[in-house]
Amino acid sequence: DLLSDGAIFAMGAGQDVTITHDGGSGATLASAGAFVIDGANSLSLYGTSINIGTDTDVAIDIDSAALDIDASGAVTIDSTSTISIDGADDVNLSVTSSTGGEDLTIQQIGGNDSSIIITAAGTGTDAVYIDATAGDMVIAPSLASAKTLKIGPASKTQMVFTPHDTAGSEKISLINTTGTADTAIAIKSIAGGLTLAAGNDSLIIDADGTDADALNIDSAGGIDIDAAGAISLDSSAGSV
């Protein structure tokens, strides 16, 4: 045992220092105050396992010019409080898959009013870029009844998907709230055809505009109208 107040152990310059303990019960370096290990060169800490702060659950602060963590096995980060990962430059989170089932999962667990929020302040055309280069893309396959999938701002242009256990309340809507152009909503098929089909109810085309061509049906070819029932054409401006 070595016991001393203000003890200093100094070794000669240029000499290696080795502290070896061959006993089976381990070795302990303890201090009632700060404990500093300082080296002008690299510092190595290794063993069959390394535990830091596991006995007393103390706060740990790591400051480094660069931090590199490599593991030949799993890496686990758990917290009973918040986790914050910030970067002043690029931040990458990727999985290099070599077989099936090697997924990248981002999940909020717990049935309460909490959210997964992805926000980009970028000004480019790809400020938020989501793509699938080989397989399918699935969005909201388990969307609950009476909940909605909304794309776009409600005050401008928005598409809303509303699944519902009641068939009469299950709807899809595409709305342009403020646009005034003739092409405020445009559905085009450049090379092929376009089919609008109503299975067992009405197909309604309604124009509230007051222009002379408020409802304009134009064809470069013929127009074929077939009906199993009567055809009625009415105009408040005169006969057809």
C-alpha atoms as a PDB file:
ATOM      1  CA  ASP A   1       0.000   0.000   0.000  1.00  0.00           C
ATOM      2  CA  LEU A   2       1.155   3.521  -0.864  1.00  0.00           C
ATOM      3  CA  LEU A   3      -0.599   6.320   1.044  1.00  0.00           C
ATOM      4  CA  SER A   4       0.506   9.933   0.771  1.00  0.00           C
ATOM      5  CA  ASP A   5      -0.997  13.415   0.676  1.00  0.00           C
ATOM      6  CA  GLY A   6      -0.001  15.228  -2.517  1.00  0.00           C
ATOM      7  CA  ALA A   7       2.139  12.350  -3.772  1.00  0.00           C
ATOM      8  CA  ILE A   8       3.911  12.758  -7.122  1.00  0.00           C
ATOM      9  CA  PHE A   9       5.433   9.839  -9.006  1.00  0.00           C
ATOM     10  CA  ALA A  10       7.824  10.991 -11.733  1.00  0.00           C
ATOM     11  CA  MET A  11       9.562   8.742 -14.259  1.00  0.00           C
ATOM     12  CA  GLY A  12      12.576   9.648 -16.339  1.00  0.00           C
ATOM     13  CA  ALA A  13      12.010  11.143 -19.759  1.00  0.00           C
ATOM     14  CA  GLY A  14      12.099   8.715 -22.654  1.00  0.00           C
ATOM     15  CA  GLN A  15      11.303   5.701 -20.454  1.00  0.00           C
ATOM     16  CA  ASP A  16       8.287   3.426 -20.861  1.00  0.00           C
ATOM     17  CA  VAL A  17       6.130   2.894 -17.776  1.00  0.00           C
ATOM     18  CA  THR A  18       4.259  -0.365 -17.234  1.00  0.00           C
ATOM     19  CA  ILE A  19       1.949  -1.166 -14.338  1.00  0.00           C
ATOM     20  CA  THR A  20       1.132  -4.868 -14.203  1.00  0.00           C
ATOM     21  CA  HIS A  21      -1.236  -6.691 -11.874  1.00  0.00           C
ATOM     22  CA  ASP A  22      -1.197 -10.487 -12.049  1.00  0.00           C
ATOM     23  CA  GLY A  23      -3.781 -11.135  -9.314  1.00  0.00           C
ATOM     24  CA  GLY A  24      -7.218 -12.570 -10.012  1.00  0.00           C
ATOM     25  CA  SER A  25      -9.284  -9.954  -8.133  1.00  0.00           C
ATOM     26  CA  GLY A  26      -8.482  -6.995 -10.367  1.00  0.00           C
ATOM     27  CA  ALA A  27      -6.877  -3.627  -9.721  1.00  0.00           C
ATOM     28  CA  THR A  28      -8.549  -0.386  -8.626  1.00  0.00           C
ATOM     29  CA  LEU A  29      -7.457   3.210  -9.095  1.00  0.00           C
ATOM     30  CA  ALA A  30      -9.664   5.416  -6.919  1.00  0.00           C
ATOM     31  CA  SER A  31      -9.816   9.112  -6.104  1.00  0.00           C
ATOM     32  CA  ALA A  32     -12.139  11.149  -3.878  1.00  0.00           C
ATOM     33  CA  GLY A  33     -11.600  14.110  -6.205  1.00  0.00           C
ATOM     34  CA  ALA A  34     -10.805  14.532  -9.876  1.00  0.00           C
ATOM     35  CA  PHE A  35      -8.797  11.756 -11.539  1.00  0.00           C
ATOM     36  CA  VAL A  36      -6.798  12.817 -14.596  1.00  0.00           C
ATOM     37  CA  ILE A  37      -4.949  10.630 -17.081  1.00  0.00           C
ATOM     38  CA  ASP A  38      -3.004  12.825 -19.470  1.00  0.00           C
ATOM     39  CA  GLY A  39      -0.657  11.938 -22.281  1.00  0.00           C
ATOM     40  CA  ALA A  40       1.129  13.955 -24.956  1.00  0.00           C
ATOM     41  CA  ASN A  41       0.584  11.111 -27.433  1.00  0.00           C
ATOM     42  CA  SER A  42      -2.073   8.461 -27.988  1.00  0.00           C
ATOM     43  CA  LEU A  43      -3.800   6.783 -25.039  1.00  0.00           C
ATOM     44  CA  SER A  44      -4.970   3.159 -25.253  1.00  0.00           C
ATOM     45  CA  LEU A  45      -7.577   1.450 -23.075  1.00  0.00           C
ATOM     46  CA  TYR A  46      -8.399  -2.164 -23.801  1.00  0.00           C
ATOM     47  CA  GLY A  47      -9.487  -5.429 -22.246  1.00  0.00           C
ATOM     48  CA  THR A  48     -11.977  -8.270 -22.656  1.00  0.00           C
ATOM     49  CA  SER A  49     -14.668  -5.717 -21.747  1.00  0.00           C
ATOM     50  CA  ILE A  50     -14.596  -2.015 -20.845  1.00  0.00           C
ATOM     51  CA  ASN A  51     -17.249  -0.450 -18.606  1.00  0.00           C
ATOM     52  CA  ILE A  52     -17.540   3.300 -18.093  1.00  0.00           C
ATOM     53  CA  GLY A  53     -19.929   4.695 -15.502  1.00  0.00           C
ATOM     54  CA  THR A  54     -21.926   1.488 -15.075  1.00  0.00           C
ATOM     55  CA  ASP A  55     -21.620   1.249 -11.276  1.00  0.00           C
ATOM     56  CA  THR A  56     -22.889   4.709 -10.311  1.00  0.00           C
ATOM     57  CA  ASP A  57     -24.766   5.840 -13.461  1.00  0.00           C
ATOM     58  CA  VAL A  58     -22.802   9.079 -13.675  1.00  0.00           C
ATOM     59  CA  ALA A  59     -22.877  11.731 -16.382  1.00  0.00           C
ATOM     60  CA  ILE A  60     -20.231  11.241 -19.104  1.00  0.00           C
ATOM     61  CA  ASP A  61     -18.985  14.080 -21.313  1.00  0.00           C
ATOM     62  CA  ILE A  62     -16.771  13.320 -24.332  1.00  0.00           C
ATOM     63  CA  ASP A  63     -15.147  16.212 -26.209  1.00  0.00           C
ATOM     64  CA  SER A  64     -13.058  15.373 -29.250  1.00  0.00           C
ATOM     65  CA  ALA A  65     -11.756  16.879 -32.471  1.00  0.00           C
ATOM     66  CA  ALA A  66     -13.024  13.708 -34.160  1.00  0.00           C
ATOM     67  CA  LEU A  67     -14.896  10.699 -32.775  1.00  0.00           C
ATOM     68  CA  ASP A  68     -14.669   7.322 -34.499  1.00  0.00           C
ATOM     69  CA  ILE A  69     -16.608   4.352 -33.108  1.00  0.00           C
ATOM     70  CA  ASP A  70     -16.092   0.969 -34.780  1.00  0.00           C
ATOM     71  CA  ALA A  71     -17.625  -2.317 -33.656  1.00  0.00           C
ATOM     72  CA  SER A  72     -17.380  -5.828 -35.069  1.00  0.00           C
ATOM     73  CA  GLY A  73     -20.764  -6.589 -33.450  1.00  0.00           C
ATOM     74  CA  ALA A  74     -23.930  -4.710 -32.556  1.00  0.00           C
ATOM     75  CA  VAL A  75     -23.956  -1.090 -31.366  1.00  0.00           C
ATOM     76  CA  THR A  76     -26.703  -0.222 -28.870  1.00  0.00           C
ATOM     77  CA  ILE A  77     -27.620   3.260 -27.619  1.00  0.00           C
ATOM     78  CA  ASP A  78     -30.406   3.358 -25.020  1.00  0.00           C
ATOM     79  CA  SER A  79     -31.722   6.250 -22.966  1.00  0.00           C
ATOM     80  CA  THR A  80     -34.568   6.713 -20.501  1.00  0.00           C
ATOM     81  CA  SER A  81     -34.656  10.381 -21.576  1.00  0.00           C
ATOM     82  CA  THR A  82     -34.022  12.276 -24.807  1.00  0.00           C
ATOM     83  CA  ILE A  83     -31.410  11.470 -27.481  1.00  0.00           C
ATOM     84  CA  SER A  84     -30.062  14.302 -29.645  1.00  0.00           C
ATOM     85  CA  ILE A  85     -27.764  13.861 -32.664  1.00  0.00           C
ATOM     86  CA  ASP A  86     -26.755  17.147 -34.305  1.00  0.00           C
ATOM     87  CA  GLY A  87     -24.275  17.895 -37.066  1.00  0.00           C
ATOM     88  CA  ALA A  88     -23.054  21.160 -38.591  1.00  0.00           C
ATOM     89  CA  ASP A  89     -22.314  19.345 -41.865  1.00  0.00           C
ATOM     90  CA  ASP A  90     -23.610  16.225 -43.629  1.00  0.00           C
ATOM     91  CA  VAL A  91     -25.235  13.561 -41.440  1.00  0.00           C
ATOM     92  CA  ASN A  92     -25.532  10.050 -42.874  1.00  0.00           C
ATOM     93  CA  LEU A  93     -27.539   7.107 -41.544  1.00  0.00           C
ATOM     94  CA  SER A  94     -27.306   4.078 -43.804  1.00  0.00           C
ATOM     95  CA  VAL A  95     -27.541   0.286 -43.834  1.00  0.00           C
ATOM     96  CA  THR A  96     -25.393  -1.767 -46.202  1.00  0.00           C
ATOM     97  CA  SER A  97     -27.598  -4.797 -46.745  1.00  0.00           C
ATOM     98  CA  SER A  98     -26.143  -8.138 -47.795  1.00  0.00           C
ATOM     99  CA  THR A  99     -29.314 -10.223 -47.375  1.00  0.00           C
ATOM    100  CA  GLY A 100     -33.050  -9.846 -46.830  1.00  0.00           C
ATOM    101  CA  GLY A 101     -34.497  -8.415 -43.629  1.00  0.00           C
ATOM    102  CA  GLU A 102     -31.688  -5.937 -42.924  1.00  0.00           C
ATOM    103  CA  ASP A 103     -34.007  -2.973 -42.476  1.00  0.00           C
ATOM    104  CA  LEU A 104     -33.548   0.648 -41.449  1.00  0.00           C
ATOM    105  CA  THR A 105     -36.407   1.343 -39.021  1.00  0.00           C
ATOM    106  CA  ILE A 106     -37.474   4.722 -37.635  1.00  0.00           C
ATOM    107  CA  GLN A 107     -40.394   4.156 -35.289  1.00  0.00           C
ATOM    108  CA  GLN A 108     -42.283   6.066 -32.611  1.00  0.00           C
ATOM    109  CA  ILE A 109     -43.727   3.581 -30.111  1.00  0.00           C
ATOM    110  CA  GLY A 110     -46.586   4.414 -27.778  1.00  0.00           C
ATOM    111  CA  GLY A 111     -50.239   5.203 -28.512  1.00  0.00           C
ATOM    112  CA  ASN A 112     -50.213   8.870 -27.517  1.00  0.00           C
ATOM    113  CA  ASP A 113     -50.077  12.278 -29.187  1.00  0.00           C
ATOM    114  CA  SER A 114     -46.439  12.048 -30.329  1.00  0.00           C
ATOM    115  CA  SER A 115     -45.132  12.397 -33.858  1.00  0.00           C
ATOM    116  CA  ILE A 116     -42.369  11.543 -36.314  1.00  0.00           C
ATOM    117  CA  ILE A 117     -41.404  14.873 -37.865  1.00  0.00           C
ATOM    118  CA  ILE A 118     -39.182  15.308 -40.941  1.00  0.00           C
ATOM    119  CA  THR A 119     -38.651  18.971 -41.829  1.00  0.00           C
ATOM    120  CA  ALA A 120     -36.306  20.523 -44.378  1.00  0.00           C
ATOM    121  CA  ALA A 121     -35.413  24.218 -44.581  1.00  0.00           C
ATOM    122  CA  GLY A 122     -33.585  23.663 -47.870  1.00  0.00           C
ATOM    123  CA  THR A 123     -34.560  25.766 -50.873  1.00  0.00           C
ATOM    124  CA  GLY A 124     -33.730  23.275 -53.641  1.00  0.00           C
ATOM    125  CA  THR A 125     -36.157  21.304 -55.823  1.00  0.00           C
ATOM    126  CA  ASP A 126     -35.244  18.188 -53.796  1.00  0.00           C
ATOM    127  CA  ALA A 127     -35.465  19.705 -50.302  1.00  0.00           C
ATOM    128  CA  VAL A 128     -37.155  16.468 -49.180  1.00  0.00           C
ATOM    129  CA  TYR A 129     -36.240  13.566 -51.475  1.00  0.00           C
ATOM    130  CA  ILE A 130     -37.773  10.106 -50.967  1.00  0.00           C
ATOM    131  CA  ASP A 131     -37.110   7.470 -53.609  1.00  0.00           C
ATOM    132  CA  ALA A 132     -37.172   3.719 -54.185  1.00  0.00           C
ATOM    133  CA  THR A 133     -34.686   2.605 -56.861  1.00  0.00           C
ATOM    134  CA  ALA A 134     -35.467  -1.118 -57.092  1.00  0.00           C
ATOM    135  CA  GLY A 135     -38.571  -2.127 -55.145  1.00  0.00           C
ATOM    136  CA  ASP A 136     -42.060  -0.800 -54.438  1.00  0.00           C
ATOM    137  CA  MET A 137     -42.885   2.210 -52.264  1.00  0.00           C
ATOM    138  CA  VAL A 138     -45.699   1.871 -49.710  1.00  0.00           C
ATOM    139  CA  ILE A 139     -47.188   4.846 -47.856  1.00  0.00           C
ATOM    140  CA  ALA A 140     -49.783   4.476 -45.064  1.00  0.00           C
ATOM    141  CA  PRO A 141     -50.818   0.835 -45.699  1.00  0.00           C
ATOM    142  CA  SER A 142     -52.259   0.595 -42.166  1.00  0.00           C
ATOM    143  CA  LEU A 143     -53.940   4.008 -41.978  1.00  0.00           C
ATOM    144  CA  ALA A 144     -56.731   3.637 -39.409  1.00  0.00           C
ATOM    145  CA  SER A 145     -60.409   4.183 -40.183  1.00  0.00           C
ATOM    146  CA  ALA A 146     -61.491   7.852 -40.212  1.00  0.00           C
ATOM    147  CA  LYS A 147     -57.848   9.020 -40.150  1.00  0.00           C
ATOM    148  CA  THR A 148     -56.507  10.930 -43.136  1.00  0.00           C
ATOM    149  CA  LEU A 149     -53.439  10.976 -45.352  1.00  0.00           C
ATOM    150  CA  LYS A 150     -52.957  14.569 -46.470  1.00  0.00           C
ATOM    151  CA  ILE A 151     -50.590  15.871 -49.136  1.00  0.00           C
ATOM    152  CA  GLY A 152     -50.230  19.645 -49.513  1.00  0.00           C
ATOM    153  CA  PRO A 153     -51.605  22.648 -47.599  1.00  0.00           C
ATOM    154  CA  ALA A 154     -55.388  22.862 -47.104  1.00  0.00           C
ATOM    155  CA  SER A 155     -55.309  26.602 -47.824  1.00  0.00           C
ATOM    156  CA  LYS A 156     -53.858  26.031 -51.316  1.00  0.00           C
ATOM    157  CA  THR A 157     -53.843  22.630 -53.027  1.00  0.00           C
ATOM    158  CA  GLN A 158     -54.353  19.364 -51.145  1.00  0.00           C
ATOM    159  CA  MET A 159     -55.019  15.688 -51.788  1.00  0.00           C
ATOM    160  CA  VAL A 160     -56.742  13.810 -48.952  1.00  0.00           C
ATOM    161  CA  PHE A 161     -57.172  10.045 -48.568  1.00  0.00           C
ATOM    162  CA  THR A 162     -59.763   9.028 -45.951  1.00  0.00           C
ATOM    163  CA  PRO A 163     -60.218   5.291 -45.355  1.00  0.00           C
ATOM    164  CA  HIS A 164     -63.332   4.458 -43.349  1.00  0.00           C
ATOM    165  CA  ASP A 165     -65.078   1.380 -42.003  1.00  0.00           C
ATOM    166  CA  THR A 166     -68.348   2.878 -43.313  1.00  0.00           C
ATOM    167  CA  ALA A 167     -68.301   2.643 -47.119  1.00  0.00           C
ATOM    168  CA  GLY A 168     -70.269   5.864 -47.605  1.00  0.00           C
ATOM    169  CA  SER A 169     -67.634   7.827 -45.680  1.00  0.00           C
ATOM    170  CA  GLU A 170     -64.562   6.457 -47.492  1.00  0.00           C
ATOM    171  CA  LYS A 171     -63.297   9.142 -49.840  1.00  0.00           C
ATOM    172  CA  ILE A 172     -60.439  10.566 -51.879  1.00  0.00           C
ATOM    173  CA  SER A 173     -60.438  14.294 -52.611  1.00  0.00           C
ATOM    174  CA  LEU A 174     -58.215  16.527 -54.749  1.00  0.00           C
ATOM    175  CA  ILE A 175     -58.889  20.192 -54.018  1.00  0.00           C
ATOM    176  CA  ASN A 176     -57.480  23.463 -55.342  1.00  0.00           C
ATOM    177  CA  THR A 177     -58.702  26.132 -52.932  1.00  0.00           C
ATOM    178  CA  THR A 178     -57.366  29.362 -54.437  1.00  0.00           C
ATOM    179  CA  GLY A 179     -56.288  28.628 -58.020  1.00  0.00           C
ATOM    180  CA  THR A 180     -58.204  30.498 -60.760  1.00  0.00           C
ATOM    181  CA  ALA A 181     -56.507  29.285 -63.973  1.00  0.00           C
ATOM    182  CA  ASP A 182     -58.279  27.026 -66.477  1.00  0.00           C
ATOM    183  CA  THR A 183     -55.651  24.420 -65.546  1.00  0.00           C
ATOM    184  CA  ALA A 184     -56.059  24.856 -61.762  1.00  0.00           C
ATOM    185  CA  ILE A 185     -56.395  21.063 -61.669  1.00  0.00           C
ATOM    186  CA  ALA A 186     -54.994  19.313 -64.743  1.00  0.00           C
ATOM    187  CA  ILE A 187     -55.199  15.569 -65.427  1.00  0.00           C
ATOM    188  CA  LYS A 188     -53.372  14.644 -68.618  1.00  0.00           C
ATOM    189  CA  SER A 189     -52.366  11.514 -70.444  1.00  0.00           C
ATOM    190  CA  ILE A 190     -49.854  12.606 -73.081  1.00  0.00           C
ATOM    191  CA  ALA A 191     -49.521   9.341 -75.030  1.00  0.00           C
ATOM    192  CA  GLY A 192     -52.412   7.147 -73.886  1.00  0.00           C
ATOM    193  CA  GLY A 193     -56.072   7.398 -72.969  1.00  0.00           C
ATOM    194  CA  LEU A 194     -57.845   8.625 -69.849  1.00  0.00           C
ATOM    195  CA  THR A 195     -60.678   6.735 -68.184  1.00  0.00           C
ATOM    196  CA  LEU A 196     -63.103   8.099 -65.582  1.00  0.00           C
ATOM    197  CA  ALA A 197     -65.348   5.345 -64.295  1.00  0.00           C
ATOM    198  CA  ALA A 198     -68.022   5.397 -61.583  1.00  0.00           C
ATOM    199  CA  GLY A 199     -68.806   1.838 -60.516  1.00  0.00           C
ATOM    200  CA  ASN A 200     -72.357   1.925 -59.163  1.00  0.00           C
ATOM    201  CA  ASP A 201     -73.261   5.604 -58.794  1.00  0.00           C
ATOM    202  CA  SER A 202     -73.257   8.844 -60.728  1.00  0.00           C
ATOM    203  CA  LEU A 203     -70.384  10.383 -62.658  1.00  0.00           C
ATOM    204  CA  ILE A 204     -70.881  14.111 -62.168  1.00  0.00           C
ATOM    205  CA  ILE A 205     -69.175  16.866 -64.164  1.00  0.00           C
ATOM    206  CA  ASP A 206     -70.180  20.238 -62.735  1.00  0.00           C
ATOM    207  CA  ALA A 207     -68.890  23.669 -63.748  1.00  0.00           C
ATOM    208  CA  ASP A 208     -69.815  26.766 -61.758  1.00  0.00           C
ATOM    209  CA  GLY A 209     -67.987  29.129 -64.091  1.00  0.00           C
ATOM    210  CA  THR A 210     -69.927  31.799 -66.032  1.00  0.00           C
ATOM    211  CA  ASP A 211     -67.684  31.982 -69.106  1.00  0.00           C
ATOM    212  CA  ALA A 212     -69.130  31.142 -72.507  1.00  0.00           C
ATOM    213  CA  ASP A 213     -67.105  27.912 -72.423  1.00  0.00           C
ATOM    214  CA  ALA A 214     -67.649  27.123 -68.732  1.00  0.00           C
ATOM    215  CA  LEU A 215     -67.962  23.459 -69.732  1.00  0.00           C
ATOM    216  CA  ASN A 216     -65.858  22.776 -72.806  1.00  0.00           C
ATOM    217  CA  ILE A 217     -65.833  19.327 -74.462  1.00  0.00           C
ATOM    218  CA  ASP A 218     -63.486  19.184 -77.420  1.00  0.00           C
ATOM    219  CA  SER A 219     -62.330  16.280 -79.566  1.00  0.00           C
ATOM    220  CA  ALA A 220     -59.894  15.983 -82.460  1.00  0.00           C
ATOM    221  CA  GLY A 221     -61.950  12.994 -83.564  1.00  0.00           C
ATOM    222  CA  GLY A 222     -65.543  11.950 -83.065  1.00  0.00           C
ATOM    223  CA  ILE A 223     -67.682  12.073 -79.919  1.00  0.00           C
ATOM    224  CA  ASP A 224     -69.526   8.898 -78.962  1.00  0.00           C
ATOM    225  CA  ILE A 225     -72.282   9.123 -76.339  1.00  0.00           C
ATOM    226  CA  ASP A 226     -74.086   5.935 -75.312  1.00  0.00           C
ATOM    227  CA  ALA A 227     -76.832   5.667 -72.700  1.00  0.00           C
ATOM    228  CA  ALA A 228     -79.092   2.832 -71.599  1.00  0.00           C
ATOM    229  CA  GLY A 229     -81.691   5.421 -70.542  1.00  0.00           C
ATOM    230  CA  ALA A 230     -82.939   8.772 -71.800  1.00  0.00           C
ATOM    231  CA  ILE A 231     -80.608  11.618 -72.710  1.00  0.00           C
ATOM    232  CA  SER A 232     -81.662  15.099 -71.534  1.00  0.00           C
ATOM    233  CA  LEU A 233     -80.029  18.334 -72.722  1.00  0.00           C
ATOM    234  CA  ASP A 234     -81.382  21.501 -71.132  1.00  0.00           C
ATOM    235  CA  SER A 235     -80.208  25.096 -71.521  1.00  0.00           C
ATOM    236  CA  SER A 236     -81.661  28.170 -69.824  1.00  0.00           C
ATOM    237  CA  ALA A 237     -80.238  30.304 -72.658  1.00  0.00           C
ATOM    238  CA  GLY A 238     -82.273  28.669 -75.392  1.00  0.00           C
ATOM    239  CA  SER A 239     -82.883  25.496 -77.332  1.00  0.00           C
ATOM    240  CA  VAL A 240     -80.221  22.965 -78.178  1.00  0.00           C
END
